[in-house]
Amino acid sequence: MDEVLTEAEEHPKTLHVLLHGLWLGQDLAQGPERLLALSSRPALATGTDPIVLFRTAGALRRLGRYDEGLSAIDRAIDCLPPGDISVHADLVRERSLLCAARDLHQHRSPTRTSSGAPS
């Protein structure tokens, strides 16, 4: 990947392909961190590309940075052109995943006693 990044420089289509690969590679070492680094390159870091924001939100979810992920996915939804319902559904699913992961994390966070009850 590093070789391709060097060759690609700021070619948006190539960077999008790499971003997609990192998004698909759920078990890649440092995958979420690499995805965030890639999404911050000038060609992708416009803050207005709903696909980049969608992939960023997924990486932030995987890192447990739920509020930042929700902010990114909400921006992605706002940036969608009117009538783009297929991508909208993907964004809404990611938003639901972020909310569920955040809620699960918050539910498990309270310190529990040996009986399992919150202290």
N, C-alpha and C. Protein backbone atom coordinates (compact mmCIF):
# COMPACT_ATOMS: atom_id res chain seq x y z
N MET A 1 0.82 -1.19 0.00
CA MET A 1 0.00 0.00 0.00
C MET A 1 0.87 1.26 0.00
N ASP A 2 1.95 1.23 0.74
CA ASP A 2 2.81 2.41 0.83
C ASP A 2 3.41 2.76 -0.53
N GLU A 3 3.75 1.73 -1.29
CA GLU A 3 4.28 1.97 -2.63
C GLU A 3 3.25 2.67 -3.51
N VAL A 4 2.02 2.18 -3.45
CA VAL A 4 0.95 2.77 -4.25
C VAL A 4 0.68 4.20 -3.81
N LEU A 5 0.71 4.45 -2.51
CA LEU A 5 0.52 5.81 -2.00
C LEU A 5 1.58 6.77 -2.52
N THR A 6 2.81 6.29 -2.56
CA THR A 6 3.90 7.13 -3.06
C THR A 6 3.67 7.46 -4.53
N GLU A 7 3.29 6.46 -5.30
CA GLU A 7 3.04 6.66 -6.74
C GLU A 7 1.80 7.52 -6.98
N ALA A 8 0.78 7.33 -6.15
CA ALA A 8 -0.52 7.99 -6.37
C ALA A 8 -0.46 9.49 -6.11
N GLU A 9 0.45 9.89 -5.23
CA GLU A 9 0.51 11.28 -4.79
C GLU A 9 -0.89 11.70 -4.33
N GLU A 10 -1.53 12.62 -5.01
CA GLU A 10 -2.87 13.08 -4.61
C GLU A 10 -3.93 12.73 -5.66
N HIS A 11 -3.75 11.63 -6.36
CA HIS A 11 -4.72 11.21 -7.37
C HIS A 11 -5.98 10.69 -6.65
N PRO A 12 -7.10 11.43 -6.72
CA PRO A 12 -8.28 11.11 -5.92
C PRO A 12 -8.84 9.70 -6.14
N LYS A 13 -8.91 9.25 -7.38
CA LYS A 13 -9.49 7.92 -7.62
C LYS A 13 -8.65 6.82 -7.01
N THR A 14 -7.34 6.93 -7.12
CA THR A 14 -6.46 5.93 -6.52
C THR A 14 -6.59 5.96 -5.00
N LEU A 15 -6.64 7.15 -4.42
CA LEU A 15 -6.78 7.27 -2.98
C LEU A 15 -8.12 6.70 -2.51
N HIS A 16 -9.17 6.89 -3.30
CA HIS A 16 -10.48 6.32 -2.96
C HIS A 16 -10.44 4.79 -2.98
N VAL A 17 -9.73 4.21 -3.93
CA VAL A 17 -9.61 2.75 -3.99
C VAL A 17 -8.89 2.24 -2.74
N LEU A 18 -7.82 2.91 -2.35
CA LEU A 18 -7.09 2.51 -1.14
C LEU A 18 -7.95 2.69 0.11
N LEU A 19 -8.70 3.76 0.15
CA LEU A 19 -9.60 4.02 1.27
C LEU A 19 -10.64 2.90 1.36
N HIS A 20 -11.17 2.50 0.23
CA HIS A 20 -12.17 1.43 0.19
C HIS A 20 -11.55 0.12 0.69
N GLY A 21 -10.34 -0.18 0.27
CA GLY A 21 -9.67 -1.39 0.72
C GLY A 21 -9.46 -1.41 2.22
N LEU A 22 -9.06 -0.28 2.78
CA LEU A 22 -8.87 -0.20 4.23
C LEU A 22 -10.20 -0.34 4.96
N TRP A 23 -11.25 0.21 4.38
CA TRP A 23 -12.57 0.11 4.98
C TRP A 23 -13.04 -1.35 4.99
N LEU A 24 -12.77 -2.08 3.90
CA LEU A 24 -13.16 -3.48 3.83
C LEU A 24 -12.31 -4.36 4.72
N GLY A 25 -11.06 -4.00 4.93
CA GLY A 25 -10.12 -4.82 5.70
C GLY A 25 -10.30 -4.66 7.19
N GLN A 26 -11.37 -5.19 7.71
CA GLN A 26 -11.71 -5.03 9.13
C GLN A 26 -10.61 -5.53 10.07
N ASP A 27 -9.84 -6.51 9.64
CA ASP A 27 -8.84 -7.10 10.54
C ASP A 27 -7.41 -6.69 10.21
N LEU A 28 -7.24 -5.68 9.37
CA LEU A 28 -5.89 -5.22 9.04
C LEU A 28 -5.27 -4.53 10.25
N ALA A 29 -4.01 -4.84 10.49
CA ALA A 29 -3.29 -4.17 11.58
C ALA A 29 -3.26 -2.66 11.31
N GLN A 30 -3.61 -1.90 12.31
CA GLN A 30 -3.63 -0.43 12.21
C GLN A 30 -4.57 0.07 11.11
N GLY A 31 -5.54 -0.74 10.72
CA GLY A 31 -6.46 -0.36 9.65
C GLY A 31 -7.19 0.95 9.89
N PRO A 32 -7.87 1.10 11.05
CA PRO A 32 -8.58 2.36 11.27
C PRO A 32 -7.65 3.57 11.30
N GLU A 33 -6.50 3.41 11.91
CA GLU A 33 -5.54 4.53 11.97
C GLU A 33 -5.05 4.89 10.57
N ARG A 34 -4.76 3.88 9.77
CA ARG A 34 -4.30 4.14 8.40
C ARG A 34 -5.40 4.78 7.57
N LEU A 35 -6.64 4.33 7.79
CA LEU A 35 -7.77 4.92 7.06
C LEU A 35 -7.90 6.40 7.42
N LEU A 36 -7.79 6.73 8.69
CA LEU A 36 -7.88 8.13 9.10
C LEU A 36 -6.74 8.96 8.53
N ALA A 37 -5.54 8.40 8.50
CA ALA A 37 -4.40 9.11 7.92
C ALA A 37 -4.62 9.35 6.43
N LEU A 38 -5.11 8.34 5.74
CA LEU A 38 -5.37 8.47 4.31
C LEU A 38 -6.46 9.49 4.05
N SER A 39 -7.51 9.47 4.86
CA SER A 39 -8.61 10.40 4.64
C SER A 39 -8.24 11.85 4.94
N SER A 40 -7.10 12.05 5.60
CA SER A 40 -6.67 13.42 5.90
C SER A 40 -5.74 13.99 4.82
N ARG A 41 -5.45 13.20 3.79
CA ARG A 41 -4.63 13.72 2.68
C ARG A 41 -5.41 14.81 1.95
N PRO A 42 -4.71 15.81 1.43
CA PRO A 42 -5.38 16.96 0.80
C PRO A 42 -6.45 16.60 -0.24
N ALA A 43 -6.22 15.59 -1.05
CA ALA A 43 -7.19 15.25 -2.10
C ALA A 43 -8.49 14.70 -1.52
N LEU A 44 -8.45 14.17 -0.30
CA LEU A 44 -9.65 13.58 0.30
C LEU A 44 -10.21 14.40 1.46
N ALA A 45 -9.43 15.28 2.02
CA ALA A 45 -9.81 15.99 3.24
C ALA A 45 -10.61 17.26 2.98
N THR A 46 -11.52 17.21 2.03
CA THR A 46 -12.32 18.39 1.72
C THR A 46 -13.41 18.64 2.75
N GLY A 47 -13.80 17.58 3.46
CA GLY A 47 -14.89 17.71 4.42
C GLY A 47 -16.26 17.73 3.77
N THR A 48 -16.29 17.52 2.45
CA THR A 48 -17.58 17.55 1.74
C THR A 48 -17.85 16.28 0.94
N ASP A 49 -16.96 15.32 0.98
CA ASP A 49 -17.15 14.07 0.25
C ASP A 49 -17.85 13.07 1.17
N PRO A 50 -19.12 12.73 0.87
CA PRO A 50 -19.86 11.86 1.78
C PRO A 50 -19.25 10.46 1.92
N ILE A 51 -18.59 9.97 0.89
CA ILE A 51 -18.00 8.64 0.96
C ILE A 51 -16.77 8.65 1.88
N VAL A 52 -15.95 9.67 1.77
CA VAL A 52 -14.79 9.79 2.66
C VAL A 52 -15.27 9.93 4.11
N LEU A 53 -16.27 10.75 4.31
CA LEU A 53 -16.81 10.94 5.67
C LEU A 53 -17.42 9.64 6.21
N PHE A 54 -18.09 8.89 5.36
CA PHE A 54 -18.68 7.60 5.72
C PHE A 54 -17.59 6.63 6.18
N ARG A 55 -16.53 6.52 5.40
CA ARG A 55 -15.44 5.61 5.74
C ARG A 55 -14.71 6.08 7.01
N THR A 56 -14.56 7.39 7.15
CA THR A 56 -13.95 7.96 8.35
C THR A 56 -14.79 7.63 9.58
N ALA A 57 -16.09 7.75 9.46
CA ALA A 57 -16.98 7.44 10.58
C ALA A 57 -16.83 5.98 11.02
N GLY A 58 -16.72 5.08 10.05
CA GLY A 58 -16.52 3.67 10.38
C GLY A 58 -15.21 3.42 11.11
N ALA A 59 -14.16 4.10 10.68
CA ALA A 59 -12.86 3.96 11.35
C ALA A 59 -12.93 4.51 12.78
N LEU A 60 -13.59 5.63 12.94
CA LEU A 60 -13.73 6.22 14.27
C LEU A 60 -14.55 5.30 15.18
N ARG A 61 -15.56 4.65 14.64
CA ARG A 61 -16.35 3.69 15.42
C ARG A 61 -15.46 2.55 15.88
N ARG A 62 -14.64 2.02 14.99
CA ARG A 62 -13.75 0.91 15.33
C ARG A 62 -12.74 1.30 16.40
N LEU A 63 -12.41 2.58 16.47
CA LEU A 63 -11.47 3.08 17.49
C LEU A 63 -12.17 3.49 18.78
N GLY A 64 -13.50 3.39 18.82
CA GLY A 64 -14.24 3.78 20.01
C GLY A 64 -14.43 5.28 20.15
N ARG A 65 -14.25 6.01 19.08
CA ARG A 65 -14.40 7.47 19.09
C ARG A 65 -15.78 7.81 18.52
N TYR A 66 -16.81 7.44 19.28
CA TYR A 66 -18.18 7.44 18.80
C TYR A 66 -18.72 8.83 18.49
N ASP A 67 -18.47 9.80 19.34
CA ASP A 67 -19.00 11.14 19.09
C ASP A 67 -18.38 11.76 17.83
N GLU A 68 -17.09 11.54 17.63
CA GLU A 68 -16.45 12.03 16.40
C GLU A 68 -17.02 11.31 15.18
N GLY A 69 -17.27 10.01 15.33
CA GLY A 69 -17.86 9.24 14.24
C GLY A 69 -19.26 9.73 13.89
N LEU A 70 -20.06 10.03 14.92
CA LEU A 70 -21.41 10.56 14.67
C LEU A 70 -21.35 11.91 13.97
N SER A 71 -20.40 12.72 14.36
CA SER A 71 -20.23 14.03 13.70
C SER A 71 -19.89 13.83 12.22
N ALA A 72 -18.97 12.89 11.94
CA ALA A 72 -18.57 12.63 10.55
C ALA A 72 -19.74 12.08 9.73
N ILE A 73 -20.50 11.16 10.30
CA ILE A 73 -21.59 10.56 9.53
C ILE A 73 -22.72 11.57 9.33
N ASP A 74 -22.95 12.43 10.30
CA ASP A 74 -23.96 13.47 10.12
C ASP A 74 -23.56 14.45 9.02
N ARG A 75 -22.27 14.80 8.97
CA ARG A 75 -21.78 15.66 7.87
C ARG A 75 -21.95 14.94 6.53
N ALA A 76 -21.66 13.64 6.51
CA ALA A 76 -21.80 12.86 5.27
C ALA A 76 -23.24 12.90 4.77
N ILE A 77 -24.18 12.72 5.68
CA ILE A 77 -25.60 12.76 5.30
C ILE A 77 -25.95 14.14 4.76
N ASP A 78 -25.46 15.17 5.41
CA ASP A 78 -25.73 16.55 4.95
C ASP A 78 -25.14 16.81 3.56
N CYS A 79 -24.04 16.15 3.23
CA CYS A 79 -23.36 16.40 1.95
C CYS A 79 -23.94 15.59 0.78
N LEU A 80 -24.82 14.66 1.08
CA LEU A 80 -25.38 13.84 0.00
C LEU A 80 -26.25 14.68 -0.92
N PRO A 81 -26.13 14.44 -2.23
CA PRO A 81 -27.04 15.14 -3.14
C PRO A 81 -28.47 14.64 -2.93
N PRO A 82 -29.45 15.50 -3.18
CA PRO A 82 -30.85 15.08 -3.01
C PRO A 82 -31.17 13.86 -3.89
N GLY A 83 -31.91 12.94 -3.33
CA GLY A 83 -32.36 11.78 -4.09
C GLY A 83 -31.39 10.62 -4.13
N ASP A 84 -30.24 10.72 -3.47
CA ASP A 84 -29.25 9.64 -3.49
C ASP A 84 -29.59 8.64 -2.38
N ILE A 85 -30.67 7.87 -2.60
CA ILE A 85 -31.20 7.02 -1.53
C ILE A 85 -30.36 5.78 -1.26
N SER A 86 -29.66 5.25 -2.25
CA SER A 86 -28.88 4.04 -2.01
C SER A 86 -27.72 4.32 -1.05
N VAL A 87 -27.02 5.40 -1.26
CA VAL A 87 -25.91 5.76 -0.36
C VAL A 87 -26.46 6.23 0.98
N HIS A 88 -27.59 6.91 0.96
CA HIS A 88 -28.21 7.38 2.19
C HIS A 88 -28.47 6.21 3.13
N ALA A 89 -28.94 5.10 2.61
CA ALA A 89 -29.22 3.92 3.43
C ALA A 89 -27.93 3.41 4.09
N ASP A 90 -26.82 3.41 3.35
CA ASP A 90 -25.54 2.99 3.93
C ASP A 90 -25.13 3.91 5.06
N LEU A 91 -25.31 5.20 4.87
CA LEU A 91 -24.94 6.17 5.90
C LEU A 91 -25.80 6.02 7.14
N VAL A 92 -27.08 5.79 6.93
CA VAL A 92 -27.99 5.60 8.07
C VAL A 92 -27.62 4.34 8.84
N ARG A 93 -27.24 3.27 8.13
CA ARG A 93 -26.79 2.04 8.80
C ARG A 93 -25.54 2.30 9.64
N GLU A 94 -24.59 3.04 9.09
CA GLU A 94 -23.38 3.36 9.86
C GLU A 94 -23.73 4.19 11.08
N ARG A 95 -24.66 5.12 10.93
CA ARG A 95 -25.07 5.95 12.07
C ARG A 95 -25.69 5.06 13.16
N SER A 96 -26.50 4.09 12.74
CA SER A 96 -27.10 3.17 13.70
C SER A 96 -26.04 2.33 14.41
N LEU A 97 -25.04 1.88 13.65
CA LEU A 97 -23.94 1.12 14.26
C LEU A 97 -23.18 1.97 15.28
N LEU A 98 -22.92 3.21 14.94
CA LEU A 98 -22.23 4.11 15.86
C LEU A 98 -23.03 4.30 17.15
N CYS A 99 -24.32 4.54 17.01
CA CYS A 99 -25.17 4.74 18.20
C CYS A 99 -25.21 3.47 19.05
N ALA A 100 -25.36 2.32 18.41
CA ALA A 100 -25.42 1.06 19.15
C ALA A 100 -24.09 0.78 19.86
N ALA A 101 -22.97 1.01 19.17
CA ALA A 101 -21.66 0.78 19.79
C ALA A 101 -21.44 1.74 20.95
N ARG A 102 -21.82 2.98 20.78
CA ARG A 102 -21.67 3.97 21.86
C ARG A 102 -22.52 3.58 23.06
N ASP A 103 -23.78 3.18 22.79
CA ASP A 103 -24.67 2.80 23.88
C ASP A 103 -24.16 1.56 24.60
N LEU A 104 -23.66 0.59 23.86
CA LEU A 104 -23.12 -0.62 24.46
C LEU A 104 -21.90 -0.28 25.32
N HIS A 105 -21.04 0.57 24.80
CA HIS A 105 -19.85 0.99 25.55
C HIS A 105 -20.26 1.70 26.84
N GLN A 106 -21.25 2.59 26.76
CA GLN A 106 -21.69 3.32 27.95
C GLN A 106 -22.35 2.37 28.95
N HIS A 107 -23.06 1.38 28.44
CA HIS A 107 -23.72 0.41 29.32
C HIS A 107 -22.70 -0.43 30.09
N ARG A 108 -21.58 -0.74 29.45
CA ARG A 108 -20.56 -1.57 30.07
C ARG A 108 -19.59 -0.76 30.92
N SER A 109 -19.61 0.55 30.80
CA SER A 109 -18.61 1.40 31.47
C SER A 109 -18.75 1.52 32.98
N PRO A 110 -19.97 1.53 33.55
CA PRO A 110 -20.03 1.74 35.02
C PRO A 110 -19.23 0.66 35.76
N THR A 111 -18.57 1.09 36.83
CA THR A 111 -17.83 0.14 37.65
C THR A 111 -18.84 -0.79 38.31
N ARG A 112 -18.59 -2.09 38.23
CA ARG A 112 -19.51 -3.05 38.79
C ARG A 112 -18.90 -3.74 40.01
N THR A 113 -19.77 -4.09 40.96
CA THR A 113 -19.32 -4.84 42.14
C THR A 113 -19.19 -6.30 41.77
N SER A 114 -18.72 -7.12 42.69
CA SER A 114 -18.57 -8.55 42.40
C SER A 114 -19.90 -9.22 42.12
N SER A 115 -21.03 -8.64 42.58
CA SER A 115 -22.35 -9.22 42.31
C SER A 115 -22.85 -8.86 40.93
N GLY A 116 -22.13 -7.96 40.24
CA GLY A 116 -22.54 -7.54 38.90
C GLY A 116 -23.37 -6.27 38.91
N ALA A 117 -23.74 -5.78 40.07
CA ALA A 117 -24.54 -4.55 40.16
C ALA A 117 -23.60 -3.35 40.08
N PRO A 118 -24.10 -2.26 39.46
CA PRO A 118 -23.28 -1.04 39.42
C PRO A 118 -22.95 -0.57 40.82
N SER A 119 -21.75 -0.05 41.01
CA SER A 119 -21.37 0.46 42.34
C SER A 119 -21.80 1.89 42.51
